[in-house]
Amino acid sequence: MRISRRDACLGLLGGVAAALSPASAWAISLPRVRRLALHHVHTGERLAAVYFERGRYVAPALDEFNHLLRDWRTGEVRPIEPRLLDLLVALRGRLHSDRPLEIICGYRCPATNRMLQQRGGGGVATRSLHLVGRAIDLRVPGRPLARVREAALGLRAGGVGYYPDLDFVHVDTGRVRFW
């Protein structure tokens, strides 16, 4: 089957448009050197580190973020998806904040996830992306929670959950959705 020049050009333009769509614009605008500052509210730990430079992720810094974002109830550490850190950098940039993000929950082990589900109250998915290091619950000091939610939604980078009664916003690198 032959493809006409017109169809080939339209296909190419469609691919370019998809690459430059708002869903990926946040990733295009990331700085060449990526620094992130976090404060875990449950452990009191703080970390500010460059985790991406010279075109690659910095393994020792990723290890430090993995440790900070561990399941704070059990101490279990699992890798955090680097793209989630990129999402946090983009979110801070969109909110024009240079203050450390306040982390409520990063990685969550299966036992902790089950315990939270049994407590009730909702909002704890059986197949939560927290279980695979692809979700974070957070606050941004100095920014209203509703504004954090709007900024996260505007990135169109994954899931956004809004929990005003619990005082946090959930962001993840799954499919774009909100609740």
N, C-alpha and C. Protein backbone atom coordinates (compact mmCIF):
# COMPACT_ATOMS: atom_id res chain seq x y z
N MET A 1 0.84 -1.17 0.00
CA MET A 1 0.00 0.00 0.00
C MET A 1 0.88 1.24 0.00
N ARG A 2 0.60 2.15 -0.92
CA ARG A 2 1.37 3.39 -1.02
C ARG A 2 0.72 4.48 -0.18
N ILE A 3 1.54 5.27 0.46
CA ILE A 3 1.05 6.41 1.23
C ILE A 3 1.34 7.67 0.43
N SER A 4 0.32 8.48 0.25
CA SER A 4 0.50 9.71 -0.51
C SER A 4 1.36 10.69 0.27
N ARG A 5 1.97 11.60 -0.45
CA ARG A 5 2.78 12.64 0.17
C ARG A 5 1.94 13.44 1.16
N ARG A 6 0.69 13.73 0.79
CA ARG A 6 -0.21 14.49 1.66
C ARG A 6 -0.46 13.74 2.97
N ASP A 7 -0.77 12.43 2.89
CA ASP A 7 -1.01 11.64 4.09
C ASP A 7 0.25 11.54 4.96
N ALA A 8 1.40 11.43 4.33
CA ALA A 8 2.65 11.37 5.09
C ALA A 8 2.88 12.68 5.84
N CYS A 9 2.64 13.80 5.18
CA CYS A 9 2.82 15.10 5.82
C CYS A 9 1.82 15.30 6.96
N LEU A 10 0.57 14.88 6.71
CA LEU A 10 -0.43 15.00 7.78
C LEU A 10 -0.06 14.13 8.98
N GLY A 11 0.46 12.95 8.72
CA GLY A 11 0.88 12.07 9.80
C GLY A 11 2.04 12.67 10.59
N LEU A 12 2.98 13.26 9.87
CA LEU A 12 4.11 13.90 10.52
C LEU A 12 3.64 15.09 11.37
N LEU A 13 2.77 15.90 10.80
CA LEU A 13 2.25 17.04 11.55
C LEU A 13 1.46 16.59 12.77
N GLY A 14 0.71 15.51 12.65
CA GLY A 14 -0.02 14.98 13.80
C GLY A 14 0.92 14.54 14.90
N GLY A 15 2.01 13.90 14.53
CA GLY A 15 3.00 13.47 15.52
C GLY A 15 3.66 14.65 16.22
N VAL A 16 3.98 15.68 15.46
CA VAL A 16 4.57 16.89 16.04
C VAL A 16 3.56 17.54 16.99
N ALA A 17 2.32 17.64 16.55
CA ALA A 17 1.28 18.25 17.41
C ALA A 17 1.11 17.45 18.70
N ALA A 18 1.14 16.14 18.60
CA ALA A 18 1.00 15.32 19.80
C ALA A 18 2.19 15.52 20.73
N ALA A 19 3.38 15.62 20.15
CA ALA A 19 4.57 15.82 20.98
C ALA A 19 4.57 17.17 21.67
N LEU A 20 3.95 18.16 21.04
CA LEU A 20 3.93 19.51 21.62
C LEU A 20 2.62 19.83 22.32
N SER A 21 1.79 18.84 22.49
CA SER A 21 0.51 19.06 23.15
C SER A 21 0.72 19.42 24.61
N PRO A 22 -0.29 20.01 25.26
CA PRO A 22 -0.15 20.34 26.67
C PRO A 22 0.20 19.14 27.53
N ALA A 23 -0.17 17.94 27.09
CA ALA A 23 0.12 16.74 27.88
C ALA A 23 1.62 16.50 28.01
N SER A 24 2.42 16.97 27.07
CA SER A 24 3.86 16.75 27.19
C SER A 24 4.64 18.05 27.27
N ALA A 25 3.97 19.18 27.20
CA ALA A 25 4.66 20.47 27.24
C ALA A 25 5.44 20.63 28.54
N TRP A 26 4.92 20.10 29.64
CA TRP A 26 5.62 20.22 30.92
C TRP A 26 6.99 19.57 30.86
N ALA A 27 7.09 18.44 30.17
CA ALA A 27 8.37 17.73 30.10
C ALA A 27 9.35 18.48 29.22
N ILE A 28 8.87 19.13 28.18
CA ILE A 28 9.73 19.88 27.28
C ILE A 28 10.35 21.08 27.99
N SER A 29 9.62 21.66 28.92
CA SER A 29 10.10 22.89 29.57
C SER A 29 10.94 22.63 30.83
N LEU A 30 11.29 21.39 31.10
CA LEU A 30 12.11 21.10 32.27
C LEU A 30 13.52 21.69 32.10
N PRO A 31 14.09 22.17 33.20
CA PRO A 31 15.45 22.72 33.11
C PRO A 31 16.48 21.63 32.82
N ARG A 32 17.62 22.05 32.29
CA ARG A 32 18.68 21.08 31.98
C ARG A 32 19.30 20.51 33.24
N VAL A 33 19.34 21.30 34.29
CA VAL A 33 19.77 20.82 35.60
C VAL A 33 18.54 20.85 36.49
N ARG A 34 18.19 19.68 37.03
CA ARG A 34 16.97 19.58 37.83
C ARG A 34 17.30 19.37 39.30
N ARG A 35 16.84 20.31 40.10
CA ARG A 35 17.04 20.28 41.55
C ARG A 35 15.67 20.20 42.19
N LEU A 36 15.60 19.45 43.27
CA LEU A 36 14.34 19.31 43.97
C LEU A 36 14.61 19.39 45.47
N ALA A 37 13.73 20.09 46.17
CA ALA A 37 13.83 20.19 47.63
C ALA A 37 12.54 19.66 48.22
N LEU A 38 12.68 18.69 49.14
CA LEU A 38 11.53 18.05 49.77
C LEU A 38 11.68 18.05 51.28
N HIS A 39 10.53 18.08 51.95
CA HIS A 39 10.48 17.95 53.40
C HIS A 39 9.40 16.91 53.70
N HIS A 40 9.78 15.80 54.32
CA HIS A 40 8.81 14.76 54.66
C HIS A 40 8.19 15.11 56.00
N VAL A 41 6.89 15.36 56.02
CA VAL A 41 6.25 15.85 57.24
C VAL A 41 6.18 14.80 58.35
N HIS A 42 6.22 13.53 58.02
CA HIS A 42 6.12 12.49 59.04
C HIS A 42 7.47 12.14 59.68
N THR A 43 8.54 12.23 58.91
CA THR A 43 9.86 11.88 59.45
C THR A 43 10.66 13.12 59.83
N GLY A 44 10.27 14.29 59.31
CA GLY A 44 11.02 15.51 59.56
C GLY A 44 12.25 15.65 58.67
N GLU A 45 12.52 14.63 57.85
CA GLU A 45 13.70 14.67 56.99
C GLU A 45 13.53 15.67 55.86
N ARG A 46 14.65 16.24 55.48
CA ARG A 46 14.70 17.19 54.36
C ARG A 46 15.79 16.76 53.39
N LEU A 47 15.54 17.05 52.13
CA LEU A 47 16.54 16.76 51.10
C LEU A 47 16.42 17.80 50.01
N ALA A 48 17.55 18.37 49.64
CA ALA A 48 17.64 19.25 48.47
C ALA A 48 18.82 18.74 47.66
N ALA A 49 18.56 18.33 46.43
CA ALA A 49 19.63 17.74 45.64
C ALA A 49 19.36 17.91 44.15
N VAL A 50 20.44 17.94 43.39
CA VAL A 50 20.36 17.88 41.94
C VAL A 50 20.27 16.41 41.57
N TYR A 51 19.21 16.04 40.87
CA TYR A 51 19.03 14.63 40.52
C TYR A 51 19.14 14.39 39.01
N PHE A 52 19.30 15.48 38.24
CA PHE A 52 19.45 15.34 36.79
C PHE A 52 20.37 16.44 36.30
N GLU A 53 21.43 16.04 35.61
CA GLU A 53 22.34 17.01 34.99
C GLU A 53 23.15 16.31 33.91
N ARG A 54 23.67 17.11 33.01
CA ARG A 54 24.46 16.58 31.88
C ARG A 54 23.70 15.52 31.10
N GLY A 55 22.38 15.71 30.99
CA GLY A 55 21.57 14.82 30.18
C GLY A 55 21.23 13.48 30.80
N ARG A 56 21.48 13.32 32.11
CA ARG A 56 21.16 12.03 32.73
C ARG A 56 20.81 12.20 34.20
N TYR A 57 20.12 11.19 34.69
CA TYR A 57 19.77 11.17 36.10
C TYR A 57 21.02 10.83 36.92
N VAL A 58 21.12 11.41 38.10
CA VAL A 58 22.25 11.22 38.99
C VAL A 58 21.88 10.12 39.99
N ALA A 59 22.47 8.95 39.82
CA ALA A 59 22.10 7.77 40.61
C ALA A 59 22.19 7.99 42.12
N PRO A 60 23.27 8.56 42.65
CA PRO A 60 23.32 8.75 44.11
C PRO A 60 22.19 9.66 44.62
N ALA A 61 21.85 10.68 43.85
CA ALA A 61 20.75 11.56 44.26
C ALA A 61 19.42 10.82 44.20
N LEU A 62 19.21 10.00 43.19
CA LEU A 62 17.98 9.20 43.11
C LEU A 62 17.87 8.28 44.32
N ASP A 63 19.00 7.70 44.73
CA ASP A 63 18.99 6.84 45.92
C ASP A 63 18.55 7.63 47.16
N GLU A 64 19.01 8.87 47.26
CA GLU A 64 18.62 9.70 48.41
C GLU A 64 17.12 10.01 48.38
N PHE A 65 16.60 10.30 47.19
CA PHE A 65 15.15 10.55 47.07
C PHE A 65 14.36 9.28 47.37
N ASN A 66 14.87 8.13 46.90
CA ASN A 66 14.19 6.86 47.21
C ASN A 66 14.09 6.67 48.72
N HIS A 67 15.17 6.98 49.43
CA HIS A 67 15.18 6.81 50.88
C HIS A 67 14.20 7.78 51.55
N LEU A 68 14.23 9.04 51.16
CA LEU A 68 13.34 10.04 51.76
C LEU A 68 11.87 9.68 51.51
N LEU A 69 11.58 9.15 50.32
CA LEU A 69 10.19 8.86 49.93
C LEU A 69 9.78 7.42 50.26
N ARG A 70 10.53 6.77 51.13
CA ARG A 70 10.23 5.39 51.54
C ARG A 70 8.89 5.34 52.29
N ASP A 71 8.41 4.14 52.51
CA ASP A 71 7.22 3.95 53.34
C ASP A 71 7.63 4.31 54.76
N TRP A 72 7.19 5.43 55.24
CA TRP A 72 7.64 5.93 56.55
C TRP A 72 7.10 5.09 57.71
N ARG A 73 6.09 4.29 57.45
CA ARG A 73 5.56 3.44 58.51
C ARG A 73 6.41 2.19 58.73
N THR A 74 6.95 1.65 57.64
CA THR A 74 7.71 0.40 57.73
C THR A 74 9.21 0.58 57.48
N GLY A 75 9.59 1.66 56.86
CA GLY A 75 10.99 1.88 56.50
C GLY A 75 11.39 1.24 55.19
N GLU A 76 10.44 0.57 54.52
CA GLU A 76 10.75 -0.10 53.26
C GLU A 76 11.02 0.92 52.15
N VAL A 77 12.13 0.70 51.44
CA VAL A 77 12.55 1.60 50.37
C VAL A 77 12.37 0.91 49.03
N ARG A 78 11.81 1.60 48.08
CA ARG A 78 11.67 1.12 46.70
C ARG A 78 12.02 2.28 45.78
N PRO A 79 12.42 1.99 44.55
CA PRO A 79 12.74 3.07 43.62
C PRO A 79 11.52 3.93 43.31
N ILE A 80 11.75 5.22 43.27
CA ILE A 80 10.74 6.19 42.84
C ILE A 80 11.00 6.46 41.36
N GLU A 81 9.96 6.47 40.57
CA GLU A 81 10.11 6.73 39.14
C GLU A 81 10.70 8.13 38.95
N PRO A 82 11.84 8.27 38.27
CA PRO A 82 12.43 9.59 38.07
C PRO A 82 11.49 10.59 37.40
N ARG A 83 10.61 10.11 36.54
CA ARG A 83 9.66 10.99 35.88
C ARG A 83 8.72 11.66 36.91
N LEU A 84 8.49 11.00 38.04
CA LEU A 84 7.68 11.60 39.10
C LEU A 84 8.42 12.80 39.70
N LEU A 85 9.73 12.67 39.86
CA LEU A 85 10.51 13.81 40.34
C LEU A 85 10.45 14.95 39.33
N ASP A 86 10.52 14.61 38.04
CA ASP A 86 10.39 15.63 36.99
C ASP A 86 9.04 16.35 37.10
N LEU A 87 8.00 15.59 37.36
CA LEU A 87 6.66 16.17 37.52
C LEU A 87 6.65 17.16 38.68
N LEU A 88 7.33 16.82 39.78
CA LEU A 88 7.38 17.72 40.93
C LEU A 88 8.13 19.01 40.59
N VAL A 89 9.21 18.89 39.83
CA VAL A 89 9.94 20.09 39.39
C VAL A 89 9.04 20.97 38.54
N ALA A 90 8.32 20.36 37.62
CA ALA A 90 7.41 21.12 36.76
C ALA A 90 6.30 21.78 37.59
N LEU A 91 5.79 21.08 38.58
CA LEU A 91 4.74 21.63 39.44
C LEU A 91 5.27 22.82 40.24
N ARG A 92 6.43 22.68 40.83
CA ARG A 92 7.03 23.82 41.57
C ARG A 92 7.23 25.01 40.64
N GLY A 93 7.67 24.74 39.42
CA GLY A 93 7.88 25.82 38.46
C GLY A 93 6.58 26.52 38.11
N ARG A 94 5.55 25.74 37.90
CA ARG A 94 4.25 26.31 37.55
C ARG A 94 3.69 27.15 38.70
N LEU A 95 4.02 26.79 39.92
CA LEU A 95 3.55 27.52 41.09
C LEU A 95 4.52 28.62 41.52
N HIS A 96 5.61 28.76 40.80
CA HIS A 96 6.63 29.77 41.12
C HIS A 96 7.04 29.69 42.58
N SER A 97 7.35 28.48 43.01
CA SER A 97 7.73 28.23 44.40
C SER A 97 9.16 27.73 44.46
N ASP A 98 9.93 28.27 45.38
CA ASP A 98 11.27 27.75 45.60
C ASP A 98 11.39 27.09 46.97
N ARG A 99 10.27 26.98 47.66
CA ARG A 99 10.26 26.34 48.97
C ARG A 99 10.16 24.82 48.81
N PRO A 100 10.70 24.07 49.78
CA PRO A 100 10.60 22.61 49.69
C PRO A 100 9.15 22.15 49.69
N LEU A 101 8.85 21.17 48.86
CA LEU A 101 7.53 20.56 48.86
C LEU A 101 7.37 19.75 50.14
N GLU A 102 6.19 19.79 50.72
CA GLU A 102 5.90 18.99 51.91
C GLU A 102 5.31 17.66 51.47
N ILE A 103 6.01 16.59 51.79
CA ILE A 103 5.60 15.25 51.37
C ILE A 103 4.81 14.59 52.50
N ILE A 104 3.63 14.10 52.14
CA ILE A 104 2.80 13.35 53.07
C ILE A 104 3.06 11.86 52.89
N CYS A 105 3.13 11.43 51.64
CA CYS A 105 3.32 10.01 51.34
C CYS A 105 3.97 9.85 49.97
N GLY A 106 5.00 9.03 49.90
CA GLY A 106 5.61 8.66 48.63
C GLY A 106 5.32 7.19 48.37
N TYR A 107 6.37 6.37 48.42
CA TYR A 107 6.18 4.93 48.26
C TYR A 107 5.35 4.40 49.43
N ARG A 108 4.52 3.42 49.13
CA ARG A 108 3.71 2.75 50.16
C ARG A 108 3.78 1.25 49.89
N CYS A 109 4.19 0.48 50.89
CA CYS A 109 4.29 -0.97 50.70
C CYS A 109 2.89 -1.60 50.74
N PRO A 110 2.75 -2.82 50.23
CA PRO A 110 1.43 -3.47 50.21
C PRO A 110 0.77 -3.58 51.58
N ALA A 111 1.56 -3.87 52.62
CA ALA A 111 0.97 -4.01 53.96
C ALA A 111 0.39 -2.67 54.45
N THR A 112 1.10 -1.60 54.20
CA THR A 112 0.60 -0.27 54.58
C THR A 112 -0.64 0.07 53.78
N ASN A 113 -0.63 -0.25 52.50
CA ASN A 113 -1.79 0.05 51.66
C ASN A 113 -3.03 -0.69 52.17
N ARG A 114 -2.86 -1.98 52.53
CA ARG A 114 -3.98 -2.76 53.08
C ARG A 114 -4.49 -2.17 54.39
N MET A 115 -3.55 -1.77 55.25
CA MET A 115 -3.92 -1.19 56.53
C MET A 115 -4.74 0.10 56.32
N LEU A 116 -4.32 0.93 55.39
CA LEU A 116 -5.05 2.18 55.12
C LEU A 116 -6.43 1.90 54.53
N GLN A 117 -6.53 0.87 53.70
CA GLN A 117 -7.83 0.49 53.15
C GLN A 117 -8.76 0.01 54.26
N GLN A 118 -8.25 -0.78 55.18
CA GLN A 118 -9.06 -1.32 56.27
C GLN A 118 -9.52 -0.24 57.23
N ARG A 119 -8.76 0.82 57.35
CA ARG A 119 -9.16 1.95 58.20
C ARG A 119 -10.41 2.63 57.67
N GLY A 120 -10.60 2.51 56.35
CA GLY A 120 -11.76 3.15 55.73
C GLY A 120 -11.48 4.61 55.42
N GLY A 121 -12.51 5.31 55.07
CA GLY A 121 -12.35 6.71 54.72
C GLY A 121 -12.18 6.94 53.24
N GLY A 122 -11.90 5.88 52.48
CA GLY A 122 -11.78 5.98 51.03
C GLY A 122 -10.46 6.58 50.59
N GLY A 123 -10.29 6.62 49.28
CA GLY A 123 -9.12 7.25 48.69
C GLY A 123 -7.89 6.37 48.60
N VAL A 124 -7.96 5.11 49.02
CA VAL A 124 -6.81 4.22 48.96
C VAL A 124 -7.12 3.11 47.96
N ALA A 125 -6.51 3.20 46.80
CA ALA A 125 -6.77 2.24 45.73
C ALA A 125 -6.04 0.93 45.96
N THR A 126 -6.67 -0.17 45.57
CA THR A 126 -6.05 -1.49 45.69
C THR A 126 -4.76 -1.56 44.89
N ARG A 127 -4.78 -0.99 43.70
CA ARG A 127 -3.59 -0.97 42.84
C ARG A 127 -3.00 0.43 42.77
N SER A 128 -2.85 1.05 43.92
CA SER A 128 -2.34 2.41 44.01
C SER A 128 -0.98 2.54 43.35
N LEU A 129 -0.76 3.66 42.69
CA LEU A 129 0.55 3.91 42.09
C LEU A 129 1.61 4.22 43.16
N HIS A 130 1.19 4.45 44.40
CA HIS A 130 2.14 4.57 45.50
C HIS A 130 2.91 3.26 45.65
N LEU A 131 2.27 2.14 45.35
CA LEU A 131 2.87 0.81 45.51
C LEU A 131 4.05 0.57 44.57
N VAL A 132 4.14 1.34 43.51
CA VAL A 132 5.22 1.16 42.53
C VAL A 132 6.06 2.43 42.36
N GLY A 133 6.00 3.32 43.33
CA GLY A 133 6.84 4.51 43.30
C GLY A 133 6.49 5.52 42.22
N ARG A 134 5.19 5.59 41.88
CA ARG A 134 4.77 6.50 40.83
C ARG A 134 3.75 7.53 41.32
N ALA A 135 3.63 7.72 42.64
CA ALA A 135 2.65 8.66 43.20
C ALA A 135 3.20 9.32 44.45
N ILE A 136 2.78 10.56 44.66
CA ILE A 136 3.16 11.32 45.85
C ILE A 136 1.98 12.16 46.30
N ASP A 137 1.77 12.21 47.61
CA ASP A 137 0.79 13.11 48.21
C ASP A 137 1.59 14.26 48.81
N LEU A 138 1.16 15.50 48.53
CA LEU A 138 1.99 16.64 48.91
C LEU A 138 1.20 17.91 49.17
N ARG A 139 1.91 18.89 49.72
CA ARG A 139 1.46 20.27 49.85
C ARG A 139 2.59 21.15 49.36
N VAL A 140 2.25 22.38 48.97
CA VAL A 140 3.26 23.36 48.59
C VAL A 140 3.11 24.54 49.53
N PRO A 141 4.08 24.72 50.44
CA PRO A 141 3.98 25.81 51.40
C PRO A 141 3.77 27.16 50.71
N GLY A 142 2.86 27.94 51.28
CA GLY A 142 2.60 29.26 50.73
C GLY A 142 1.65 29.28 49.56
N ARG A 143 1.15 28.12 49.15
CA ARG A 143 0.22 28.06 48.03
C ARG A 143 -1.06 27.39 48.50
N PRO A 144 -2.22 27.97 48.20
CA PRO A 144 -3.48 27.32 48.57
C PRO A 144 -3.59 25.96 47.89
N LEU A 145 -4.16 25.01 48.61
CA LEU A 145 -4.29 23.65 48.09
C LEU A 145 -5.03 23.62 46.75
N ALA A 146 -6.07 24.43 46.63
CA ALA A 146 -6.83 24.48 45.37
C ALA A 146 -5.94 24.94 44.22
N ARG A 147 -5.02 25.84 44.49
CA ARG A 147 -4.11 26.31 43.43
C ARG A 147 -3.13 25.21 43.05
N VAL A 148 -2.67 24.44 44.03
CA VAL A 148 -1.77 23.31 43.74
C VAL A 148 -2.50 22.31 42.84
N ARG A 149 -3.75 22.04 43.17
CA ARG A 149 -4.55 21.12 42.36
C ARG A 149 -4.68 21.64 40.93
N GLU A 150 -5.02 22.91 40.78
CA GLU A 150 -5.18 23.49 39.44
C GLU A 150 -3.87 23.43 38.64
N ALA A 151 -2.76 23.72 39.30
CA ALA A 151 -1.46 23.66 38.62
C ALA A 151 -1.16 22.24 38.17
N ALA A 152 -1.43 21.26 39.03
CA ALA A 152 -1.19 19.86 38.68
C ALA A 152 -2.09 19.43 37.52
N LEU A 153 -3.35 19.83 37.57
CA LEU A 153 -4.26 19.50 36.47
C LEU A 153 -3.77 20.11 35.17
N GLY A 154 -3.28 21.34 35.24
CA GLY A 154 -2.80 22.03 34.04
C GLY A 154 -1.60 21.36 33.40
N LEU A 155 -0.82 20.64 34.16
CA LEU A 155 0.32 19.92 33.58
C LEU A 155 -0.12 18.76 32.70
N ARG A 156 -1.28 18.18 33.00
CA ARG A 156 -1.79 17.03 32.24
C ARG A 156 -0.72 15.93 32.14
N ALA A 157 -0.11 15.64 33.30
CA ALA A 157 1.01 14.70 33.32
C ALA A 157 0.67 13.38 33.98
N GLY A 158 -0.54 13.24 34.48
CA GLY A 158 -0.93 12.02 35.17
C GLY A 158 -2.14 12.27 36.03
N GLY A 159 -2.32 11.46 37.05
CA GLY A 159 -3.47 11.59 37.92
C GLY A 159 -3.29 12.69 38.95
N VAL A 160 -4.43 13.32 39.28
CA VAL A 160 -4.44 14.38 40.30
C VAL A 160 -5.64 14.12 41.21
N GLY A 161 -5.36 13.91 42.48
CA GLY A 161 -6.40 13.73 43.47
C GLY A 161 -6.41 14.91 44.42
N TYR A 162 -7.59 15.37 44.78
CA TYR A 162 -7.73 16.55 45.63
C TYR A 162 -8.37 16.12 46.94
N TYR A 163 -7.64 16.32 48.05
CA TYR A 163 -8.09 15.91 49.37
C TYR A 163 -8.04 17.10 50.33
N PRO A 164 -8.93 18.07 50.17
CA PRO A 164 -8.87 19.26 51.02
C PRO A 164 -9.08 18.95 52.51
N ASP A 165 -9.88 17.95 52.84
CA ASP A 165 -10.11 17.61 54.25
C ASP A 165 -8.85 17.03 54.90
N LEU A 166 -8.01 16.41 54.10
CA LEU A 166 -6.76 15.83 54.60
C LEU A 166 -5.56 16.75 54.33
N ASP A 167 -5.80 17.85 53.63
CA ASP A 167 -4.80 18.88 53.36
C ASP A 167 -3.65 18.40 52.49
N PHE A 168 -3.99 17.71 51.38
CA PHE A 168 -2.96 17.36 50.42
C PHE A 168 -3.54 17.16 49.04
N VAL A 169 -2.64 17.19 48.06
CA VAL A 169 -2.96 16.87 46.67
C VAL A 169 -2.12 15.65 46.30
N HIS A 170 -2.74 14.71 45.61
CA HIS A 170 -2.07 13.51 45.11
C HIS A 170 -1.69 13.78 43.65
N VAL A 171 -0.45 13.46 43.28
CA VAL A 171 -0.05 13.49 41.87
C VAL A 171 0.62 12.17 41.54
N ASP A 172 0.42 11.71 40.31
CA ASP A 172 1.07 10.47 39.89
C ASP A 172 1.36 10.52 38.40
N THR A 173 2.13 9.55 37.93
CA THR A 173 2.53 9.50 36.53
C THR A 173 1.72 8.48 35.74
N GLY A 174 0.56 8.14 36.23
CA GLY A 174 -0.34 7.26 35.49
C GLY A 174 -1.05 8.02 34.38
N ARG A 175 -2.14 7.45 33.90
CA ARG A 175 -2.90 8.14 32.86
C ARG A 175 -3.51 9.41 33.42
N VAL A 176 -3.78 10.36 32.53
CA VAL A 176 -4.35 11.64 32.95
C VAL A 176 -5.79 11.41 33.40
N ARG A 177 -6.06 11.78 34.67
CA ARG A 177 -7.37 11.66 35.25
C ARG A 177 -7.40 12.50 36.52
N PHE A 178 -8.58 12.70 37.07
CA PHE A 178 -8.66 13.49 38.31
C PHE A 178 -9.86 13.05 39.12
N TRP A 179 -9.78 13.32 40.41
CA TRP A 179 -10.86 13.01 41.34
C TRP A 179 -10.81 13.97 42.50
